[in-house]
Amino acid sequence: MDELEGMAENAMETIEEAQRAARESESDNNSRWITSVALISSLMAIIGTVLALVAAFAADDAFEKRVIAIVDRNSYESENLQYEILLLKYEAMAQMGKISPDDKPEKLIALERNLDERDDRTTEELERAARFIGTHHVLGFAITLLQVCIALSGISIIAKRKRMWHAGLGFAGFGILVGIAGLIRYFLLA
């Protein structure tokens, strides 16, 4: 949420700088350029805010998957201990001749199946958590690129350098493409 507030503050500062510069400017053409910079910076701030929100969702999903995997791993360890105890009991009884060594109790077979299923589920949840974290990183990179665009836009107004704004637009374009890739990745995982 701090990222969202920071981006909003950056956008507001850029807009205020653009308005101040527009008042000081006497050239109508320069005024239109400053207005364009302010509008595009605001649009980049809005896009960045949406991407930050989805990045937060991805981080939450990754955390949830990790918690599920940890709980499953703890249950796995508990059932594995139970399985080992039953297996030792079964082997001891087989050595004493009380049961046939070839007859495995149904409970032991069921525990083996449960252990395999739980281990697979734990591995799957950990892999999903890693994919959500990767998506969070992709979206974070896109947000950073958009913030660079906003910063360059503000600097270009102060320095009255249109080329700097054009460089910022390049960062924005790349940030939007990375953001789209991150959004697609997130919604494919969800």
N, C-alpha and C. Protein backbone atom coordinates (compact mmCIF):
# COMPACT_ATOMS: atom_id res chain seq x y z
N MET A 1 0.82 -1.19 0.00
CA MET A 1 0.00 0.00 0.00
C MET A 1 0.86 1.25 0.00
N ASP A 2 2.08 1.15 0.58
CA ASP A 2 2.98 2.30 0.57
C ASP A 2 3.36 2.65 -0.86
N GLU A 3 3.49 1.61 -1.73
CA GLU A 3 3.81 1.85 -3.13
C GLU A 3 2.70 2.66 -3.78
N LEU A 4 1.45 2.33 -3.44
CA LEU A 4 0.32 3.03 -4.03
C LEU A 4 0.33 4.50 -3.62
N GLU A 5 0.57 4.76 -2.34
CA GLU A 5 0.59 6.13 -1.85
C GLU A 5 1.75 6.90 -2.48
N GLY A 6 2.89 6.24 -2.61
CA GLY A 6 4.06 6.88 -3.21
C GLY A 6 3.81 7.25 -4.66
N MET A 7 3.17 6.33 -5.39
CA MET A 7 2.87 6.61 -6.80
C MET A 7 1.86 7.74 -6.92
N ALA A 8 0.87 7.76 -6.04
CA ALA A 8 -0.13 8.83 -6.08
C ALA A 8 0.52 10.18 -5.77
N GLU A 9 1.42 10.18 -4.78
CA GLU A 9 2.11 11.42 -4.44
C GLU A 9 2.98 11.89 -5.60
N ASN A 10 3.68 10.95 -6.25
CA ASN A 10 4.51 11.31 -7.41
C ASN A 10 3.66 11.90 -8.52
N ALA A 11 2.51 11.30 -8.75
CA ALA A 11 1.63 11.80 -9.80
C ALA A 11 1.11 13.19 -9.46
N MET A 12 0.74 13.39 -8.19
CA MET A 12 0.24 14.71 -7.78
C MET A 12 1.33 15.77 -7.91
N GLU A 13 2.56 15.42 -7.53
CA GLU A 13 3.67 16.36 -7.66
C GLU A 13 3.90 16.71 -9.12
N THR A 14 3.84 15.70 -9.99
CA THR A 14 4.03 15.94 -11.41
C THR A 14 2.94 16.83 -11.96
N ILE A 15 1.71 16.60 -11.54
CA ILE A 15 0.60 17.43 -12.01
C ILE A 15 0.75 18.86 -11.52
N GLU A 16 1.12 19.02 -10.23
CA GLU A 16 1.31 20.37 -9.69
C GLU A 16 2.44 21.10 -10.41
N GLU A 17 3.52 20.38 -10.69
CA GLU A 17 4.63 20.99 -11.42
C GLU A 17 4.18 21.37 -12.83
N ALA A 18 3.39 20.52 -13.44
CA ALA A 18 2.90 20.81 -14.78
C ALA A 18 1.98 22.03 -14.76
N GLN A 19 1.13 22.13 -13.75
CA GLN A 19 0.23 23.28 -13.65
C GLN A 19 1.01 24.56 -13.41
N ARG A 20 2.01 24.50 -12.51
CA ARG A 20 2.84 25.67 -12.25
C ARG A 20 3.57 26.11 -13.51
N ALA A 21 4.14 25.12 -14.18
CA ALA A 21 4.88 25.43 -15.41
C ALA A 21 3.94 25.97 -16.49
N ALA A 22 2.70 25.45 -16.53
CA ALA A 22 1.74 25.92 -17.53
C ALA A 22 1.36 27.37 -17.29
N ARG A 23 1.21 27.76 -16.02
CA ARG A 23 0.88 29.15 -15.70
C ARG A 23 2.01 30.09 -16.10
N GLU A 24 3.24 29.62 -15.90
CA GLU A 24 4.39 30.46 -16.20
C GLU A 24 4.66 30.54 -17.70
N SER A 25 4.24 29.56 -18.41
CA SER A 25 4.52 29.49 -19.84
C SER A 25 3.61 30.42 -20.63
N GLU A 26 4.19 31.11 -21.60
CA GLU A 26 3.38 32.00 -22.41
C GLU A 26 3.06 31.36 -23.75
N SER A 27 3.81 30.38 -24.11
CA SER A 27 3.62 29.74 -25.40
C SER A 27 2.48 28.73 -25.32
N ASP A 28 1.54 28.85 -26.25
CA ASP A 28 0.41 27.93 -26.29
C ASP A 28 0.87 26.51 -26.59
N ASN A 29 1.86 26.36 -27.47
CA ASN A 29 2.39 25.05 -27.82
C ASN A 29 3.06 24.40 -26.61
N ASN A 30 3.83 25.17 -25.87
CA ASN A 30 4.49 24.66 -24.68
C ASN A 30 3.45 24.25 -23.63
N SER A 31 2.39 25.00 -23.54
CA SER A 31 1.32 24.70 -22.59
C SER A 31 0.65 23.37 -22.93
N ARG A 32 0.43 23.11 -24.22
CA ARG A 32 -0.17 21.84 -24.63
C ARG A 32 0.75 20.67 -24.32
N TRP A 33 2.06 20.89 -24.52
CA TRP A 33 3.02 19.85 -24.23
C TRP A 33 3.01 19.53 -22.73
N ILE A 34 3.00 20.55 -21.91
CA ILE A 34 2.98 20.35 -20.46
C ILE A 34 1.71 19.64 -20.04
N THR A 35 0.59 20.00 -20.63
CA THR A 35 -0.67 19.32 -20.32
C THR A 35 -0.60 17.85 -20.72
N SER A 36 0.00 17.58 -21.88
CA SER A 36 0.15 16.19 -22.33
C SER A 36 1.01 15.40 -21.36
N VAL A 37 2.10 16.01 -20.92
CA VAL A 37 2.99 15.33 -19.96
C VAL A 37 2.23 15.02 -18.67
N ALA A 38 1.46 15.99 -18.19
CA ALA A 38 0.71 15.79 -16.94
C ALA A 38 -0.33 14.68 -17.10
N LEU A 39 -1.04 14.68 -18.21
CA LEU A 39 -2.07 13.66 -18.42
C LEU A 39 -1.47 12.27 -18.55
N ILE A 40 -0.40 12.16 -19.31
CA ILE A 40 0.22 10.84 -19.49
C ILE A 40 0.84 10.36 -18.18
N SER A 41 1.43 11.29 -17.41
CA SER A 41 1.98 10.90 -16.11
C SER A 41 0.88 10.40 -15.18
N SER A 42 -0.26 11.07 -15.22
CA SER A 42 -1.39 10.63 -14.40
C SER A 42 -1.87 9.25 -14.83
N LEU A 43 -1.93 9.03 -16.13
CA LEU A 43 -2.35 7.73 -16.65
C LEU A 43 -1.36 6.64 -16.22
N MET A 44 -0.06 6.94 -16.27
CA MET A 44 0.94 5.96 -15.85
C MET A 44 0.81 5.68 -14.34
N ALA A 45 0.47 6.69 -13.57
CA ALA A 45 0.27 6.49 -12.13
C ALA A 45 -0.93 5.58 -11.88
N ILE A 46 -1.99 5.77 -12.65
CA ILE A 46 -3.18 4.92 -12.49
C ILE A 46 -2.86 3.48 -12.88
N ILE A 47 -2.17 3.29 -14.00
CA ILE A 47 -1.80 1.94 -14.43
C ILE A 47 -0.88 1.30 -13.39
N GLY A 48 0.07 2.08 -12.89
CA GLY A 48 0.98 1.56 -11.86
C GLY A 48 0.25 1.16 -10.59
N THR A 49 -0.77 1.93 -10.23
CA THR A 49 -1.56 1.62 -9.04
C THR A 49 -2.31 0.31 -9.20
N VAL A 50 -2.88 0.09 -10.37
CA VAL A 50 -3.59 -1.17 -10.64
C VAL A 50 -2.61 -2.34 -10.60
N LEU A 51 -1.43 -2.15 -11.21
CA LEU A 51 -0.43 -3.21 -11.20
C LEU A 51 0.05 -3.50 -9.77
N ALA A 52 0.18 -2.45 -8.96
CA ALA A 52 0.59 -2.64 -7.57
C ALA A 52 -0.46 -3.43 -6.80
N LEU A 53 -1.71 -3.18 -7.10
CA LEU A 53 -2.79 -3.92 -6.43
C LEU A 53 -2.73 -5.40 -6.80
N VAL A 54 -2.54 -5.69 -8.08
CA VAL A 54 -2.45 -7.10 -8.51
C VAL A 54 -1.19 -7.75 -7.95
N ALA A 55 -0.09 -6.97 -7.87
CA ALA A 55 1.14 -7.51 -7.28
C ALA A 55 0.91 -7.87 -5.81
N ALA A 56 0.14 -7.06 -5.11
CA ALA A 56 -0.19 -7.37 -3.72
C ALA A 56 -1.03 -8.64 -3.63
N PHE A 57 -1.96 -8.82 -4.56
CA PHE A 57 -2.75 -10.05 -4.60
C PHE A 57 -1.85 -11.26 -4.84
N ALA A 58 -0.89 -11.11 -5.76
CA ALA A 58 0.03 -12.22 -6.06
C ALA A 58 0.86 -12.58 -4.83
N ALA A 59 1.31 -11.57 -4.10
CA ALA A 59 2.08 -11.83 -2.88
C ALA A 59 1.21 -12.53 -1.84
N ASP A 60 -0.04 -12.10 -1.71
CA ASP A 60 -0.96 -12.75 -0.77
C ASP A 60 -1.21 -14.21 -1.16
N ASP A 61 -1.41 -14.44 -2.45
CA ASP A 61 -1.62 -15.82 -2.91
C ASP A 61 -0.40 -16.69 -2.65
N ALA A 62 0.80 -16.13 -2.87
CA ALA A 62 2.03 -16.88 -2.61
C ALA A 62 2.14 -17.22 -1.13
N PHE A 63 1.82 -16.27 -0.28
CA PHE A 63 1.86 -16.51 1.16
C PHE A 63 0.88 -17.61 1.55
N GLU A 64 -0.32 -17.54 1.00
CA GLU A 64 -1.34 -18.55 1.30
C GLU A 64 -0.88 -19.94 0.87
N LYS A 65 -0.29 -20.03 -0.32
CA LYS A 65 0.19 -21.34 -0.81
C LYS A 65 1.32 -21.87 0.07
N ARG A 66 2.20 -20.98 0.53
CA ARG A 66 3.28 -21.41 1.43
C ARG A 66 2.73 -21.93 2.75
N VAL A 67 1.72 -21.26 3.29
CA VAL A 67 1.12 -21.70 4.56
C VAL A 67 0.48 -23.07 4.37
N ILE A 68 -0.24 -23.23 3.27
CA ILE A 68 -0.87 -24.54 3.00
C ILE A 68 0.20 -25.62 2.89
N ALA A 69 1.30 -25.31 2.20
CA ALA A 69 2.38 -26.29 2.04
C ALA A 69 3.01 -26.64 3.39
N ILE A 70 3.17 -25.64 4.26
CA ILE A 70 3.76 -25.89 5.58
C ILE A 70 2.84 -26.78 6.41
N VAL A 71 1.55 -26.48 6.38
CA VAL A 71 0.59 -27.31 7.12
C VAL A 71 0.59 -28.73 6.58
N ASP A 72 0.61 -28.86 5.25
CA ASP A 72 0.65 -30.19 4.64
C ASP A 72 1.93 -30.92 5.01
N ARG A 73 3.05 -30.20 5.03
CA ARG A 73 4.33 -30.83 5.38
C ARG A 73 4.30 -31.31 6.84
N ASN A 74 3.72 -30.53 7.73
CA ASN A 74 3.61 -30.95 9.13
C ASN A 74 2.71 -32.18 9.26
N SER A 75 1.61 -32.19 8.53
CA SER A 75 0.73 -33.36 8.55
C SER A 75 1.44 -34.58 7.97
N TYR A 76 2.22 -34.34 6.93
CA TYR A 76 2.99 -35.42 6.31
C TYR A 76 3.95 -36.03 7.33
N GLU A 77 4.66 -35.17 8.06
CA GLU A 77 5.62 -35.65 9.06
C GLU A 77 4.90 -36.45 10.16
N SER A 78 3.74 -35.96 10.57
CA SER A 78 2.97 -36.66 11.60
C SER A 78 2.51 -38.03 11.10
N GLU A 79 1.97 -38.07 9.89
CA GLU A 79 1.51 -39.35 9.34
C GLU A 79 2.69 -40.28 9.05
N ASN A 80 3.81 -39.71 8.66
CA ASN A 80 4.99 -40.54 8.40
C ASN A 80 5.48 -41.19 9.70
N LEU A 81 5.43 -40.46 10.78
CA LEU A 81 5.81 -41.01 12.08
C LEU A 81 4.84 -42.13 12.47
N GLN A 82 3.56 -41.89 12.26
CA GLN A 82 2.54 -42.90 12.55
C GLN A 82 2.78 -44.14 11.68
N TYR A 83 3.12 -43.93 10.42
CA TYR A 83 3.40 -45.02 9.49
C TYR A 83 4.60 -45.83 9.96
N GLU A 84 5.66 -45.14 10.35
CA GLU A 84 6.88 -45.83 10.79
C GLU A 84 6.62 -46.68 12.05
N ILE A 85 5.83 -46.14 12.97
CA ILE A 85 5.50 -46.89 14.19
C ILE A 85 4.70 -48.14 13.85
N LEU A 86 3.70 -47.96 12.97
CA LEU A 86 2.89 -49.13 12.57
C LEU A 86 3.73 -50.15 11.81
N LEU A 87 4.65 -49.67 10.99
CA LEU A 87 5.51 -50.57 10.22
C LEU A 87 6.41 -51.38 11.16
N LEU A 88 6.99 -50.72 12.17
CA LEU A 88 7.82 -51.43 13.15
C LEU A 88 6.99 -52.46 13.93
N LYS A 89 5.78 -52.07 14.30
CA LYS A 89 4.89 -52.98 15.01
C LYS A 89 4.57 -54.19 14.13
N TYR A 90 4.27 -53.94 12.86
CA TYR A 90 3.95 -55.00 11.91
C TYR A 90 5.14 -55.94 11.74
N GLU A 91 6.35 -55.36 11.56
CA GLU A 91 7.55 -56.19 11.37
C GLU A 91 7.85 -57.02 12.61
N ALA A 92 7.66 -56.42 13.80
CA ALA A 92 7.91 -57.16 15.05
C ALA A 92 6.94 -58.32 15.18
N MET A 93 5.67 -58.07 14.87
CA MET A 93 4.68 -59.14 14.97
C MET A 93 4.96 -60.22 13.93
N ALA A 94 5.44 -59.84 12.75
CA ALA A 94 5.76 -60.83 11.72
C ALA A 94 6.96 -61.68 12.15
N GLN A 95 7.94 -61.06 12.80
CA GLN A 95 9.11 -61.82 13.26
C GLN A 95 8.74 -62.77 14.40
N MET A 96 7.76 -62.38 15.19
CA MET A 96 7.33 -63.26 16.29
C MET A 96 6.41 -64.36 15.78
N GLY A 97 6.02 -64.27 14.51
CA GLY A 97 5.17 -65.29 13.92
C GLY A 97 3.70 -65.11 14.20
N LYS A 98 3.29 -63.97 14.73
CA LYS A 98 1.88 -63.74 15.03
C LYS A 98 1.08 -63.41 13.78
N ILE A 99 1.76 -62.85 12.78
CA ILE A 99 1.09 -62.57 11.50
C ILE A 99 2.02 -62.99 10.37
N SER A 100 1.45 -63.13 9.20
CA SER A 100 2.24 -63.50 8.03
C SER A 100 3.00 -62.27 7.52
N PRO A 101 4.28 -62.44 7.16
CA PRO A 101 5.07 -61.29 6.68
C PRO A 101 4.52 -60.69 5.38
N ASP A 102 3.74 -61.46 4.64
CA ASP A 102 3.20 -60.97 3.37
C ASP A 102 1.91 -60.18 3.53
N ASP A 103 1.27 -60.28 4.66
CA ASP A 103 -0.01 -59.58 4.88
C ASP A 103 0.23 -58.22 5.53
N LYS A 104 0.09 -57.19 4.73
CA LYS A 104 0.21 -55.84 5.28
C LYS A 104 -1.16 -55.40 5.74
N PRO A 105 -1.24 -54.81 6.92
CA PRO A 105 -2.54 -54.33 7.40
C PRO A 105 -3.06 -53.21 6.48
N GLU A 106 -4.37 -53.15 6.37
CA GLU A 106 -5.02 -52.15 5.51
C GLU A 106 -4.67 -50.72 5.95
N LYS A 107 -4.55 -50.53 7.25
CA LYS A 107 -4.22 -49.19 7.77
C LYS A 107 -2.84 -48.76 7.28
N LEU A 108 -1.91 -49.66 7.21
CA LEU A 108 -0.56 -49.36 6.73
C LEU A 108 -0.58 -49.01 5.24
N ILE A 109 -1.34 -49.72 4.47
CA ILE A 109 -1.46 -49.44 3.03
C ILE A 109 -2.12 -48.08 2.81
N ALA A 110 -3.16 -47.79 3.59
CA ALA A 110 -3.84 -46.49 3.48
C ALA A 110 -2.91 -45.34 3.85
N LEU A 111 -2.10 -45.54 4.88
CA LEU A 111 -1.14 -44.49 5.27
C LEU A 111 -0.10 -44.26 4.18
N GLU A 112 0.34 -45.33 3.54
CA GLU A 112 1.30 -45.17 2.43
C GLU A 112 0.71 -44.31 1.31
N ARG A 113 -0.55 -44.59 0.96
CA ARG A 113 -1.22 -43.81 -0.09
C ARG A 113 -1.35 -42.34 0.32
N ASN A 114 -1.79 -42.12 1.59
CA ASN A 114 -1.94 -40.76 2.09
C ASN A 114 -0.62 -40.00 2.06
N LEU A 115 0.46 -40.69 2.46
CA LEU A 115 1.77 -40.03 2.46
C LEU A 115 2.18 -39.60 1.06
N ASP A 116 1.96 -40.49 0.09
CA ASP A 116 2.31 -40.13 -1.29
C ASP A 116 1.48 -38.95 -1.79
N GLU A 117 0.18 -38.99 -1.53
CA GLU A 117 -0.70 -37.90 -1.97
C GLU A 117 -0.34 -36.58 -1.29
N ARG A 118 -0.09 -36.63 -0.01
CA ARG A 118 0.24 -35.41 0.74
C ARG A 118 1.58 -34.83 0.28
N ASP A 119 2.54 -35.69 0.00
CA ASP A 119 3.84 -35.23 -0.47
C ASP A 119 3.70 -34.55 -1.83
N ASP A 120 2.90 -35.13 -2.72
CA ASP A 120 2.66 -34.53 -4.03
C ASP A 120 1.96 -33.18 -3.90
N ARG A 121 0.96 -33.11 -3.03
CA ARG A 121 0.21 -31.87 -2.83
C ARG A 121 1.11 -30.77 -2.26
N THR A 122 1.98 -31.13 -1.33
CA THR A 122 2.90 -30.17 -0.74
C THR A 122 3.86 -29.61 -1.80
N THR A 123 4.39 -30.48 -2.61
CA THR A 123 5.29 -30.06 -3.68
C THR A 123 4.57 -29.13 -4.66
N GLU A 124 3.34 -29.48 -5.00
CA GLU A 124 2.55 -28.66 -5.92
C GLU A 124 2.27 -27.27 -5.34
N GLU A 125 1.93 -27.20 -4.06
CA GLU A 125 1.65 -25.90 -3.42
C GLU A 125 2.91 -25.04 -3.36
N LEU A 126 4.05 -25.65 -3.09
CA LEU A 126 5.30 -24.89 -3.06
C LEU A 126 5.65 -24.35 -4.45
N GLU A 127 5.40 -25.15 -5.47
CA GLU A 127 5.66 -24.70 -6.84
C GLU A 127 4.72 -23.55 -7.22
N ARG A 128 3.47 -23.64 -6.82
CA ARG A 128 2.51 -22.55 -7.10
C ARG A 128 2.91 -21.28 -6.37
N ALA A 129 3.37 -21.43 -5.12
CA ALA A 129 3.82 -20.26 -4.36
C ALA A 129 4.99 -19.58 -5.07
N ALA A 130 5.91 -20.37 -5.58
CA ALA A 130 7.06 -19.81 -6.30
C ALA A 130 6.62 -19.08 -7.57
N ARG A 131 5.62 -19.62 -8.26
CA ARG A 131 5.12 -18.95 -9.47
C ARG A 131 4.44 -17.63 -9.13
N PHE A 132 3.69 -17.60 -8.02
CA PHE A 132 3.05 -16.34 -7.60
C PHE A 132 4.10 -15.31 -7.20
N ILE A 133 5.15 -15.74 -6.52
CA ILE A 133 6.22 -14.81 -6.16
C ILE A 133 6.89 -14.28 -7.42
N GLY A 134 7.11 -15.14 -8.40
CA GLY A 134 7.69 -14.70 -9.67
C GLY A 134 6.81 -13.65 -10.34
N THR A 135 5.50 -13.86 -10.30
CA THR A 135 4.56 -12.90 -10.87
C THR A 135 4.62 -11.58 -10.11
N HIS A 136 4.75 -11.65 -8.79
CA HIS A 136 4.88 -10.45 -7.98
C HIS A 136 6.11 -9.66 -8.41
N HIS A 137 7.21 -10.34 -8.68
CA HIS A 137 8.44 -9.68 -9.10
C HIS A 137 8.28 -9.04 -10.49
N VAL A 138 7.62 -9.73 -11.39
CA VAL A 138 7.39 -9.17 -12.73
C VAL A 138 6.56 -7.88 -12.63
N LEU A 139 5.49 -7.93 -11.84
CA LEU A 139 4.65 -6.74 -11.68
C LEU A 139 5.40 -5.62 -10.97
N GLY A 140 6.24 -5.96 -10.02
CA GLY A 140 7.05 -4.95 -9.34
C GLY A 140 8.00 -4.26 -10.31
N PHE A 141 8.57 -5.01 -11.24
CA PHE A 141 9.46 -4.43 -12.25
C PHE A 141 8.67 -3.47 -13.15
N ALA A 142 7.47 -3.87 -13.54
CA ALA A 142 6.63 -3.00 -14.38
C ALA A 142 6.30 -1.70 -13.65
N ILE A 143 5.98 -1.81 -12.37
CA ILE A 143 5.66 -0.62 -11.57
C ILE A 143 6.87 0.31 -11.51
N THR A 144 8.04 -0.25 -11.32
CA THR A 144 9.26 0.55 -11.27
C THR A 144 9.48 1.30 -12.58
N LEU A 145 9.26 0.63 -13.69
CA LEU A 145 9.42 1.28 -15.00
C LEU A 145 8.43 2.44 -15.15
N LEU A 146 7.21 2.25 -14.69
CA LEU A 146 6.22 3.32 -14.77
C LEU A 146 6.59 4.48 -13.85
N GLN A 147 7.16 4.19 -12.69
CA GLN A 147 7.60 5.25 -11.79
C GLN A 147 8.75 6.05 -12.40
N VAL A 148 9.63 5.36 -13.13
CA VAL A 148 10.71 6.07 -13.82
C VAL A 148 10.12 7.01 -14.87
N CYS A 149 9.10 6.56 -15.57
CA CYS A 149 8.42 7.42 -16.55
C CYS A 149 7.85 8.66 -15.88
N ILE A 150 7.20 8.48 -14.76
CA ILE A 150 6.60 9.61 -14.04
C ILE A 150 7.69 10.59 -13.59
N ALA A 151 8.78 10.05 -13.06
CA ALA A 151 9.87 10.91 -12.60
C ALA A 151 10.50 11.67 -13.77
N LEU A 152 10.75 10.98 -14.88
CA LEU A 152 11.34 11.65 -16.04
C LEU A 152 10.39 12.70 -16.61
N SER A 153 9.10 12.45 -16.53
CA SER A 153 8.13 13.43 -17.00
C SER A 153 8.21 14.71 -16.17
N GLY A 154 8.26 14.55 -14.87
CA GLY A 154 8.37 15.72 -13.99
C GLY A 154 9.67 16.48 -14.23
N ILE A 155 10.76 15.75 -14.38
CA ILE A 155 12.05 16.39 -14.63
C ILE A 155 12.05 17.11 -15.98
N SER A 156 11.41 16.50 -16.97
CA SER A 156 11.38 17.12 -18.30
C SER A 156 10.62 18.45 -18.29
N ILE A 157 9.60 18.54 -17.45
CA ILE A 157 8.86 19.80 -17.34
C ILE A 157 9.73 20.86 -16.68
N ILE A 158 10.40 20.48 -15.61
CA ILE A 158 11.26 21.43 -14.89
C ILE A 158 12.41 21.88 -15.77
N ALA A 159 13.04 20.92 -16.45
CA ALA A 159 14.20 21.22 -17.28
C ALA A 159 13.82 21.70 -18.69
N LYS A 160 12.52 21.62 -19.01
CA LYS A 160 12.02 21.98 -20.34
C LYS A 160 12.76 21.21 -21.45
N ARG A 161 12.84 19.91 -21.25
CA ARG A 161 13.51 19.02 -22.19
C ARG A 161 12.53 17.96 -22.66
N LYS A 162 12.09 18.09 -23.90
CA LYS A 162 11.11 17.13 -24.43
C LYS A 162 11.74 15.75 -24.65
N ARG A 163 13.03 15.71 -24.95
CA ARG A 163 13.67 14.42 -25.17
C ARG A 163 13.65 13.56 -23.91
N MET A 164 13.76 14.20 -22.78
CA MET A 164 13.70 13.45 -21.52
C MET A 164 12.31 12.83 -21.36
N TRP A 165 11.30 13.56 -21.76
CA TRP A 165 9.93 13.03 -21.70
C TRP A 165 9.80 11.85 -22.65
N HIS A 166 10.40 11.96 -23.84
CA HIS A 166 10.34 10.86 -24.80
C HIS A 166 11.03 9.61 -24.23
N ALA A 167 12.13 9.82 -23.52
CA ALA A 167 12.78 8.68 -22.85
C ALA A 167 11.83 8.08 -21.82
N GLY A 168 11.13 8.93 -21.08
CA GLY A 168 10.15 8.45 -20.10
C GLY A 168 9.04 7.65 -20.76
N LEU A 169 8.63 8.09 -21.96
CA LEU A 169 7.60 7.34 -22.69
C LEU A 169 8.10 5.95 -23.07
N GLY A 170 9.39 5.87 -23.39
CA GLY A 170 9.98 4.55 -23.67
C GLY A 170 9.90 3.63 -22.46
N PHE A 171 10.24 4.18 -21.28
CA PHE A 171 10.12 3.40 -20.05
C PHE A 171 8.66 3.00 -19.81
N ALA A 172 7.75 3.92 -20.09
CA ALA A 172 6.32 3.63 -19.89
C ALA A 172 5.86 2.50 -20.81
N GLY A 173 6.27 2.57 -22.08
CA GLY A 173 5.88 1.52 -23.02
C GLY A 173 6.38 0.15 -22.59
N PHE A 174 7.65 0.11 -22.19
CA PHE A 174 8.22 -1.15 -21.74
C PHE A 174 7.53 -1.61 -20.45
N GLY A 175 7.25 -0.66 -19.55
CA GLY A 175 6.57 -0.99 -18.30
C GLY A 175 5.18 -1.54 -18.53
N ILE A 176 4.48 -0.97 -19.50
CA ILE A 176 3.13 -1.46 -19.81
C ILE A 176 3.19 -2.88 -20.38
N LEU A 177 4.16 -3.13 -21.27
CA LEU A 177 4.31 -4.48 -21.83
C LEU A 177 4.64 -5.50 -20.73
N VAL A 178 5.56 -5.15 -19.86
CA VAL A 178 5.91 -6.05 -18.75
C VAL A 178 4.70 -6.24 -17.83
N GLY A 179 3.96 -5.16 -17.60
CA GLY A 179 2.76 -5.23 -16.76
C GLY A 179 1.70 -6.15 -17.36
N ILE A 180 1.51 -6.04 -18.66
CA ILE A 180 0.54 -6.93 -19.34
C ILE A 180 0.97 -8.39 -19.19
N ALA A 181 2.28 -8.63 -19.38
CA ALA A 181 2.78 -10.00 -19.21
C ALA A 181 2.55 -10.49 -17.78
N GLY A 182 2.77 -9.62 -16.80
CA GLY A 182 2.53 -9.99 -15.41
C GLY A 182 1.07 -10.26 -15.12
N LEU A 183 0.19 -9.43 -15.69
CA LEU A 183 -1.25 -9.64 -15.50
C LEU A 183 -1.70 -10.96 -16.11
N ILE A 184 -1.22 -11.24 -17.32
CA ILE A 184 -1.58 -12.51 -17.96
C ILE A 184 -1.09 -13.68 -17.11
N ARG A 185 0.14 -13.57 -16.64
CA ARG A 185 0.71 -14.62 -15.80
C ARG A 185 -0.12 -14.81 -14.53
N TYR A 186 -0.50 -13.70 -13.90
CA TYR A 186 -1.27 -13.80 -12.66
C TYR A 186 -2.62 -14.48 -12.91
N PHE A 187 -3.33 -14.03 -13.94
CA PHE A 187 -4.67 -14.58 -14.17
C PHE A 187 -4.63 -16.02 -14.69
N LEU A 188 -3.53 -16.43 -15.28
CA LEU A 188 -3.39 -17.84 -15.65
C LEU A 188 -3.13 -18.70 -14.41
N LEU A 189 -2.46 -18.12 -13.41
CA LEU A 189 -2.19 -18.88 -12.18
C LEU A 189 -3.42 -18.95 -11.27
N ALA A 190 -4.20 -17.88 -11.25
CA ALA A 190 -5.32 -17.77 -10.30
C ALA A 190 -6.44 -18.72 -10.60
